[in-house]
Amino acid sequence: LGSSENMQDKIDEIKATIKFQMKKVMCLNVAVGNVEMTEKEIIVNTQLAANFLASLLKKQWQNIGQIYVKSTMGPAIQVYF
C-alpha cells in the first residue's frame, strides 16, 4: 500500500479479486461468492469468472471441457458441458 493510496479502496479491490488456483491436475477451482451475496451477484460473478478464464486460454472456450457450480456442502451442478 503506497502512501498515496486509500486503504478502503485497496480493501475493496482485494475483496473483488478472483484467484484462480490450478494444481497438477486439469481441474480449476475458484470462489465466486459467499453467503452474504444475492443470487444475482453470484450469477454475475460466475459469468465474469468463466469469461475471464476463457479469455486467458489460447483456444478460449474450446479448451474448457465442463463447468460445475458447487456450494460448500451441496452437490455439484454442471452448468457448461
PDB file of N, CA and C in Angstrom:
ATOM      1  N   LEU A   1       0.855  -1.181   0.000  1.00  0.00           N
ATOM      2  CA  LEU A   1       0.000   0.000   0.000  1.00  0.00           C
ATOM      3  C   LEU A   1       0.896   1.237   0.000  1.00  0.00           C
ATOM      4  N   GLY A   2       0.772   2.020  -1.042  1.00  0.00           N
ATOM      5  CA  GLY A   2       1.570   3.233  -1.138  1.00  0.00           C
ATOM      6  C   GLY A   2       1.000   4.340  -0.271  1.00  0.00           C
ATOM      7  N   SER A   3       1.784   5.364  -0.054  1.00  0.00           N
ATOM      8  CA  SER A   3       1.352   6.454   0.821  1.00  0.00           C
ATOM      9  C   SER A   3       0.201   7.247   0.215  1.00  0.00           C
ATOM     10  N   SER A   4       0.072   7.220  -1.116  1.00  0.00           N
ATOM     11  CA  SER A   4      -0.995   7.990  -1.758  1.00  0.00           C
ATOM     12  C   SER A   4      -2.269   7.173  -1.975  1.00  0.00           C
ATOM     13  N   GLU A   5      -2.249   5.884  -1.649  1.00  0.00           N
ATOM     14  CA  GLU A   5      -3.403   5.024  -1.887  1.00  0.00           C
ATOM     15  C   GLU A   5      -4.352   5.038  -0.687  1.00  0.00           C
ATOM     16  N   ASN A   6      -5.633   4.984  -0.993  1.00  0.00           N
ATOM     17  CA  ASN A   6      -6.666   4.932   0.034  1.00  0.00           C
ATOM     18  C   ASN A   6      -6.798   3.481   0.504  1.00  0.00           C
ATOM     19  N   MET A   7      -6.754   3.255   1.806  1.00  0.00           N
ATOM     20  CA  MET A   7      -6.791   1.895   2.342  1.00  0.00           C
ATOM     21  C   MET A   7      -8.127   1.207   2.030  1.00  0.00           C
ATOM     22  N   GLN A   8      -9.243   1.926   2.153  1.00  0.00           N
ATOM     23  CA  GLN A   8     -10.550   1.317   1.879  1.00  0.00           C
ATOM     24  C   GLN A   8     -10.664   0.913   0.408  1.00  0.00           C
ATOM     25  N   ASP A   9     -10.131   1.727  -0.504  1.00  0.00           N
ATOM     26  CA  ASP A   9     -10.142   1.369  -1.929  1.00  0.00           C
ATOM     27  C   ASP A   9      -9.339   0.094  -2.168  1.00  0.00           C
ATOM     28  N   LYS A  10      -8.203  -0.038  -1.499  1.00  0.00           N
ATOM     29  CA  LYS A  10      -7.368  -1.228  -1.638  1.00  0.00           C
ATOM     30  C   LYS A  10      -8.081  -2.459  -1.075  1.00  0.00           C
ATOM     31  N   ILE A  11      -8.764  -2.316   0.048  1.00  0.00           N
ATOM     32  CA  ILE A  11      -9.519  -3.422   0.647  1.00  0.00           C
ATOM     33  C   ILE A  11     -10.619  -3.869  -0.305  1.00  0.00           C
ATOM     34  N   ASP A  12     -11.345  -2.912  -0.878  1.00  0.00           N
ATOM     35  CA  ASP A  12     -12.419  -3.233  -1.824  1.00  0.00           C
ATOM     36  C   ASP A  12     -11.867  -3.919  -3.070  1.00  0.00           C
ATOM     37  N   GLU A  13     -10.707  -3.479  -3.537  1.00  0.00           N
ATOM     38  CA  GLU A  13     -10.076  -4.092  -4.719  1.00  0.00           C
ATOM     39  C   GLU A  13      -9.691  -5.543  -4.435  1.00  0.00           C
ATOM     40  N   ILE A  14      -9.116  -5.806  -3.281  1.00  0.00           N
ATOM     41  CA  ILE A  14      -8.699  -7.165  -2.929  1.00  0.00           C
ATOM     42  C   ILE A  14      -9.914  -8.064  -2.741  1.00  0.00           C
ATOM     43  N   LYS A  15     -10.988  -7.542  -2.146  1.00  0.00           N
ATOM     44  CA  LYS A  15     -12.215  -8.324  -1.982  1.00  0.00           C
ATOM     45  C   LYS A  15     -12.807  -8.712  -3.331  1.00  0.00           C
ATOM     46  N   ALA A  16     -12.614  -7.870  -4.348  1.00  0.00           N
ATOM     47  CA  ALA A  16     -13.187  -8.110  -5.669  1.00  0.00           C
ATOM     48  C   ALA A  16     -12.270  -8.937  -6.573  1.00  0.00           C
ATOM     49  N   THR A  17     -11.111  -9.336  -6.068  1.00  0.00           N
ATOM     50  CA  THR A  17     -10.153 -10.091  -6.865  1.00  0.00           C
ATOM     51  C   THR A  17     -10.513 -11.572  -6.883  1.00  0.00           C
ATOM     52  N   ILE A  18     -10.427 -12.164  -8.077  1.00  0.00           N
ATOM     53  CA  ILE A  18     -10.671 -13.598  -8.231  1.00  0.00           C
ATOM     54  C   ILE A  18      -9.319 -14.287  -8.321  1.00  0.00           C
ATOM     55  N   LYS A  19      -9.139 -15.344  -7.557  1.00  0.00           N
ATOM     56  CA  LYS A  19      -7.881 -16.082  -7.574  1.00  0.00           C
ATOM     57  C   LYS A  19      -8.127 -17.450  -8.191  1.00  0.00           C
ATOM     58  N   PHE A  20      -7.504 -17.700  -9.325  1.00  0.00           N
ATOM     59  CA  PHE A  20      -7.594 -18.997  -9.967  1.00  0.00           C
ATOM     60  C   PHE A  20      -6.463 -19.862  -9.433  1.00  0.00           C
ATOM     61  N   GLN A  21      -6.788 -21.071  -8.980  1.00  0.00           N
ATOM     62  CA  GLN A  21      -5.785 -21.988  -8.456  1.00  0.00           C
ATOM     63  C   GLN A  21      -5.792 -23.256  -9.296  1.00  0.00           C
ATOM     64  N   MET A  22      -4.635 -23.615  -9.823  1.00  0.00           N
ATOM     65  CA  MET A  22      -4.541 -24.835 -10.595  1.00  0.00           C
ATOM     66  C   MET A  22      -3.391 -25.666 -10.052  1.00  0.00           C
ATOM     67  N   LYS A  23      -3.704 -26.867  -9.675  1.00  0.00           N
ATOM     68  CA  LYS A  23      -2.680 -27.775  -9.166  1.00  0.00           C
ATOM     69  C   LYS A  23      -2.142 -28.592 -10.336  1.00  0.00           C
ATOM     70  N   LYS A  24      -1.668 -29.784 -10.086  1.00  0.00           N
ATOM     71  CA  LYS A  24      -1.094 -30.619 -11.147  1.00  0.00           C
ATOM     72  C   LYS A  24      -2.150 -31.302 -12.004  1.00  0.00           C
ATOM     73  N   VAL A  25      -3.376 -31.293 -11.571  1.00  0.00           N
ATOM     74  CA  VAL A  25      -4.450 -31.911 -12.345  1.00  0.00           C
ATOM     75  C   VAL A  25      -5.109 -30.858 -13.235  1.00  0.00           C
ATOM     76  N   MET A  26      -5.848 -31.303 -14.212  1.00  0.00           N
ATOM     77  CA  MET A  26      -6.509 -30.387 -15.132  1.00  0.00           C
ATOM     78  C   MET A  26      -7.881 -29.966 -14.595  1.00  0.00           C
ATOM     79  N   CYS A  27      -7.896 -29.510 -13.377  1.00  0.00           N
ATOM     80  CA  CYS A  27      -9.127 -29.091 -12.721  1.00  0.00           C
ATOM     81  C   CYS A  27      -8.848 -27.762 -12.028  1.00  0.00           C
ATOM     82  N   LEU A  28      -9.744 -26.827 -12.170  1.00  0.00           N
ATOM     83  CA  LEU A  28      -9.538 -25.497 -11.626  1.00  0.00           C
ATOM     84  C   LEU A  28     -10.675 -25.161 -10.672  1.00  0.00           C
ATOM     85  N   ASN A  29     -10.346 -24.630  -9.508  1.00  0.00           N
ATOM     86  CA  ASN A  29     -11.349 -24.242  -8.521  1.00  0.00           C
ATOM     87  C   ASN A  29     -11.249 -22.746  -8.270  1.00  0.00           C
ATOM     88  N   VAL A  30     -12.392 -22.098  -8.170  1.00  0.00           N
ATOM     89  CA  VAL A  30     -12.398 -20.661  -7.890  1.00  0.00           C
ATOM     90  C   VAL A  30     -13.640 -20.320  -7.072  1.00  0.00           C
ATOM     91  N   ALA A  31     -13.474 -19.471  -6.078  1.00  0.00           N
ATOM     92  CA  ALA A  31     -14.603 -18.999  -5.278  1.00  0.00           C
ATOM     93  C   ALA A  31     -15.246 -17.822  -6.004  1.00  0.00           C
ATOM     94  N   VAL A  32     -16.557 -17.879  -6.212  1.00  0.00           N
ATOM     95  CA  VAL A  32     -17.250 -16.805  -6.921  1.00  0.00           C
ATOM     96  C   VAL A  32     -18.303 -16.107  -6.059  1.00  0.00           C
ATOM     97  N   GLY A  33     -18.469 -16.547  -4.827  1.00  0.00           N
ATOM     98  CA  GLY A  33     -19.470 -15.916  -3.982  1.00  0.00           C
ATOM     99  C   GLY A  33     -19.338 -16.316  -2.527  1.00  0.00           C
ATOM    100  N   ASN A  34     -20.169 -15.695  -1.711  1.00  0.00           N
ATOM    101  CA  ASN A  34     -20.244 -16.050  -0.297  1.00  0.00           C
ATOM    102  C   ASN A  34     -21.689 -15.919   0.166  1.00  0.00           C
ATOM    103  N   VAL A  35     -21.970 -16.277   1.381  1.00  0.00           N
ATOM    104  CA  VAL A  35     -23.341 -16.331   1.885  1.00  0.00           C
ATOM    105  C   VAL A  35     -24.002 -14.960   1.984  1.00  0.00           C
ATOM    106  N   GLU A  36     -23.212 -13.917   2.013  1.00  0.00           N
ATOM    107  CA  GLU A  36     -23.776 -12.567   2.117  1.00  0.00           C
ATOM    108  C   GLU A  36     -24.229 -12.003   0.780  1.00  0.00           C
ATOM    109  N   MET A  37     -23.898 -12.669  -0.312  1.00  0.00           N
ATOM    110  CA  MET A  37     -24.217 -12.173  -1.649  1.00  0.00           C
ATOM    111  C   MET A  37     -25.602 -12.633  -2.095  1.00  0.00           C
ATOM    112  N   THR A  38     -26.203 -11.829  -2.972  1.00  0.00           N
ATOM    113  CA  THR A  38     -27.501 -12.200  -3.536  1.00  0.00           C
ATOM    114  C   THR A  38     -27.289 -13.224  -4.651  1.00  0.00           C
ATOM    115  N   GLU A  39     -28.364 -13.879  -5.043  1.00  0.00           N
ATOM    116  CA  GLU A  39     -28.287 -14.856  -6.132  1.00  0.00           C
ATOM    117  C   GLU A  39     -27.796 -14.190  -7.413  1.00  0.00           C
ATOM    118  N   LYS A  40     -28.275 -12.992  -7.691  1.00  0.00           N
ATOM    119  CA  LYS A  40     -27.874 -12.251  -8.905  1.00  0.00           C
ATOM    120  C   LYS A  40     -26.380 -11.948  -8.884  1.00  0.00           C
ATOM    121  N   GLU A  41     -25.845 -11.537  -7.739  1.00  0.00           N
ATOM    122  CA  GLU A  41     -24.413 -11.226  -7.633  1.00  0.00           C
ATOM    123  C   GLU A  41     -23.570 -12.472  -7.894  1.00  0.00           C
ATOM    124  N   ILE A  42     -24.011 -13.607  -7.382  1.00  0.00           N
ATOM    125  CA  ILE A  42     -23.271 -14.857  -7.593  1.00  0.00           C
ATOM    126  C   ILE A  42     -23.320 -15.262  -9.066  1.00  0.00           C
ATOM    127  N   ILE A  43     -24.471 -15.095  -9.703  1.00  0.00           N
ATOM    128  CA  ILE A  43     -24.597 -15.414 -11.130  1.00  0.00           C
ATOM    129  C   ILE A  43     -23.655 -14.538 -11.948  1.00  0.00           C
ATOM    130  N   VAL A  44     -23.654 -13.244 -11.683  1.00  0.00           N
ATOM    131  CA  VAL A  44     -22.783 -12.318 -12.416  1.00  0.00           C
ATOM    132  C   VAL A  44     -21.315 -12.666 -12.188  1.00  0.00           C
ATOM    133  N   ASN A  45     -20.931 -12.949 -10.938  1.00  0.00           N
ATOM    134  CA  ASN A  45     -19.540 -13.325 -10.644  1.00  0.00           C
ATOM    135  C   ASN A  45     -19.143 -14.612 -11.358  1.00  0.00           C
ATOM    136  N   THR A  46     -20.051 -15.572 -11.419  1.00  0.00           N
ATOM    137  CA  THR A  46     -19.769 -16.835 -12.102  1.00  0.00           C
ATOM    138  C   THR A  46     -19.548 -16.587 -13.592  1.00  0.00           C
ATOM    139  N   GLN A  47     -20.389 -15.770 -14.196  1.00  0.00           N
ATOM    140  CA  GLN A  47     -20.236 -15.446 -15.618  1.00  0.00           C
ATOM    141  C   GLN A  47     -18.925 -14.706 -15.881  1.00  0.00           C
ATOM    142  N   LEU A  48     -18.608 -13.744 -15.041  1.00  0.00           N
ATOM    143  CA  LEU A  48     -17.361 -12.992 -15.211  1.00  0.00           C
ATOM    144  C   LEU A  48     -16.136 -13.896 -15.057  1.00  0.00           C
ATOM    145  N   ALA A  49     -16.161 -14.773 -14.056  1.00  0.00           N
ATOM    146  CA  ALA A  49     -15.031 -15.676 -13.829  1.00  0.00           C
ATOM    147  C   ALA A  49     -14.844 -16.624 -15.009  1.00  0.00           C
ATOM    148  N   ALA A  50     -15.937 -17.186 -15.517  1.00  0.00           N
ATOM    149  CA  ALA A  50     -15.852 -18.121 -16.646  1.00  0.00           C
ATOM    150  C   ALA A  50     -15.355 -17.411 -17.901  1.00  0.00           C
ATOM    151  N   ASN A  51     -15.874 -16.232 -18.180  1.00  0.00           N
ATOM    152  CA  ASN A  51     -15.435 -15.484 -19.367  1.00  0.00           C
ATOM    153  C   ASN A  51     -13.981 -15.038 -19.250  1.00  0.00           C
ATOM    154  N   PHE A  52     -13.566 -14.647 -18.046  1.00  0.00           N
ATOM    155  CA  PHE A  52     -12.176 -14.245 -17.852  1.00  0.00           C
ATOM    156  C   PHE A  52     -11.244 -15.443 -18.029  1.00  0.00           C
ATOM    157  N   LEU A  53     -11.631 -16.577 -17.473  1.00  0.00           N
ATOM    158  CA  LEU A  53     -10.821 -17.785 -17.643  1.00  0.00           C
ATOM    159  C   LEU A  53     -10.701 -18.142 -19.119  1.00  0.00           C
ATOM    160  N   ALA A  54     -11.809 -18.101 -19.849  1.00  0.00           N
ATOM    161  CA  ALA A  54     -11.783 -18.415 -21.277  1.00  0.00           C
ATOM    162  C   ALA A  54     -10.868 -17.452 -22.029  1.00  0.00           C
ATOM    163  N   SER A  55     -10.850 -16.192 -21.630  1.00  0.00           N
ATOM    164  CA  SER A  55     -10.007 -15.207 -22.316  1.00  0.00           C
ATOM    165  C   SER A  55      -8.515 -15.463 -22.092  1.00  0.00           C
ATOM    166  N   LEU A  56      -8.163 -16.170 -21.014  1.00  0.00           N
ATOM    167  CA  LEU A  56      -6.757 -16.467 -20.725  1.00  0.00           C
ATOM    168  C   LEU A  56      -6.222 -17.647 -21.536  1.00  0.00           C
ATOM    169  N   LEU A  57      -7.108 -18.459 -22.070  1.00  0.00           N
ATOM    170  CA  LEU A  57      -6.713 -19.674 -22.770  1.00  0.00           C
ATOM    171  C   LEU A  57      -6.520 -19.421 -24.263  1.00  0.00           C
ATOM    172  N   LYS A  58      -5.574 -20.151 -24.883  1.00  0.00           N
ATOM    173  CA  LYS A  58      -5.278 -19.954 -26.300  1.00  0.00           C
ATOM    174  C   LYS A  58      -6.489 -20.182 -27.197  1.00  0.00           C
ATOM    175  N   LYS A  59      -7.210 -21.259 -26.952  1.00  0.00           N
ATOM    176  CA  LYS A  59      -8.369 -21.579 -27.787  1.00  0.00           C
ATOM    177  C   LYS A  59      -9.680 -21.174 -27.131  1.00  0.00           C
ATOM    178  N   GLN A  60      -9.595 -20.306 -26.147  1.00  0.00           N
ATOM    179  CA  GLN A  60     -10.760 -19.773 -25.444  1.00  0.00           C
ATOM    180  C   GLN A  60     -11.678 -20.886 -24.937  1.00  0.00           C
ATOM    181  N   TRP A  61     -12.957 -20.866 -25.309  1.00  0.00           N
ATOM    182  CA  TRP A  61     -13.931 -21.823 -24.792  1.00  0.00           C
ATOM    183  C   TRP A  61     -13.688 -23.241 -25.274  1.00  0.00           C
ATOM    184  N   GLN A  62     -12.932 -23.426 -26.347  1.00  0.00           N
ATOM    185  CA  GLN A  62     -12.633 -24.776 -26.838  1.00  0.00           C
ATOM    186  C   GLN A  62     -11.766 -25.551 -25.852  1.00  0.00           C
ATOM    187  N   ASN A  63     -11.041 -24.864 -25.001  1.00  0.00           N
ATOM    188  CA  ASN A  63     -10.186 -25.518 -24.007  1.00  0.00           C
ATOM    189  C   ASN A  63     -10.902 -25.809 -22.693  1.00  0.00           C
ATOM    190  N   ILE A  64     -12.152 -25.421 -22.579  1.00  0.00           N
ATOM    191  CA  ILE A  64     -12.915 -25.676 -21.357  1.00  0.00           C
ATOM    192  C   ILE A  64     -13.845 -26.850 -21.620  1.00  0.00           C
ATOM    193  N   GLY A  65     -13.680 -27.900 -20.844  1.00  0.00           N
ATOM    194  CA  GLY A  65     -14.493 -29.090 -21.038  1.00  0.00           C
ATOM    195  C   GLY A  65     -15.821 -29.018 -20.313  1.00  0.00           C
ATOM    196  N   GLN A  66     -15.798 -28.699 -19.041  1.00  0.00           N
ATOM    197  CA  GLN A  66     -17.010 -28.671 -18.235  1.00  0.00           C
ATOM    198  C   GLN A  66     -16.867 -27.613 -17.151  1.00  0.00           C
ATOM    199  N   ILE A  67     -17.995 -27.055 -16.738  1.00  0.00           N
ATOM    200  CA  ILE A  67     -18.023 -26.126 -15.615  1.00  0.00           C
ATOM    201  C   ILE A  67     -19.110 -26.588 -14.649  1.00  0.00           C
ATOM    202  N   TYR A  68     -18.742 -26.681 -13.387  1.00  0.00           N
ATOM    203  CA  TYR A  68     -19.669 -27.051 -12.325  1.00  0.00           C
ATOM    204  C   TYR A  68     -19.738 -25.911 -11.316  1.00  0.00           C
ATOM    205  N   VAL A  69     -20.903 -25.734 -10.711  1.00  0.00           N
ATOM    206  CA  VAL A  69     -21.070 -24.786  -9.614  1.00  0.00           C
ATOM    207  C   VAL A  69     -21.420 -25.611  -8.380  1.00  0.00           C
ATOM    208  N   LYS A  70     -20.762 -25.288  -7.263  1.00  0.00           N
ATOM    209  CA  LYS A  70     -20.968 -26.077  -6.051  1.00  0.00           C
ATOM    210  C   LYS A  70     -20.902 -25.176  -4.824  1.00  0.00           C
ATOM    211  N   SER A  71     -21.811 -25.398  -3.905  1.00  0.00           N
ATOM    212  CA  SER A  71     -21.720 -24.708  -2.613  1.00  0.00           C
ATOM    213  C   SER A  71     -20.826 -25.552  -1.701  1.00  0.00           C
ATOM    214  N   THR A  72     -20.533 -25.040  -0.542  1.00  0.00           N
ATOM    215  CA  THR A  72     -19.630 -25.739   0.367  1.00  0.00           C
ATOM    216  C   THR A  72     -20.119 -27.146   0.707  1.00  0.00           C
ATOM    217  N   MET A  73     -21.383 -27.271   1.058  1.00  0.00           N
ATOM    218  CA  MET A  73     -21.905 -28.563   1.489  1.00  0.00           C
ATOM    219  C   MET A  73     -22.836 -29.222   0.466  1.00  0.00           C
ATOM    220  N   GLY A  74     -23.168 -28.522  -0.604  1.00  0.00           N
ATOM    221  CA  GLY A  74     -24.128 -29.048  -1.567  1.00  0.00           C
ATOM    222  C   GLY A  74     -23.476 -29.855  -2.676  1.00  0.00           C
ATOM    223  N   PRO A  75     -24.308 -30.483  -3.512  1.00  0.00           N
ATOM    224  CA  PRO A  75     -23.783 -31.244  -4.638  1.00  0.00           C
ATOM    225  C   PRO A  75     -23.341 -30.299  -5.765  1.00  0.00           C
ATOM    226  N   ALA A  76     -22.447 -30.788  -6.612  1.00  0.00           N
ATOM    227  CA  ALA A  76     -22.011 -30.011  -7.772  1.00  0.00           C
ATOM    228  C   ALA A  76     -23.075 -30.072  -8.854  1.00  0.00           C
ATOM    229  N   ILE A  77     -23.306 -28.929  -9.521  1.00  0.00           N
ATOM    230  CA  ILE A  77     -24.278 -28.840 -10.606  1.00  0.00           C
ATOM    231  C   ILE A  77     -23.532 -28.421 -11.860  1.00  0.00           C
ATOM    232  N   GLN A  78     -23.657 -29.232 -12.908  1.00  0.00           N
ATOM    233  CA  GLN A  78     -22.965 -28.937 -14.153  1.00  0.00           C
ATOM    234  C   GLN A  78     -23.708 -27.819 -14.903  1.00  0.00           C
ATOM    235  N   VAL A  79     -23.008 -26.744 -15.256  1.00  0.00           N
ATOM    236  CA  VAL A  79     -23.645 -25.626 -15.953  1.00  0.00           C
ATOM    237  C   VAL A  79     -23.092 -25.415 -17.350  1.00  0.00           C
ATOM    238  N   TYR A  80     -21.990 -26.073 -17.681  1.00  0.00           N
ATOM    239  CA  TYR A  80     -21.409 -25.994 -19.031  1.00  0.00           C
ATOM    240  C   TYR A  80     -20.822 -27.345 -19.368  1.00  0.00           C
ATOM    241  N   PHE A  81     -21.172 -27.868 -20.561  1.00  0.00           N
ATOM    242  CA  PHE A  81     -20.642 -29.153 -20.994  1.00  0.00           C
ATOM    243  C   PHE A  81     -20.545 -29.203 -22.486  1.00  0.00           C
TER     244      PHE A  81
END
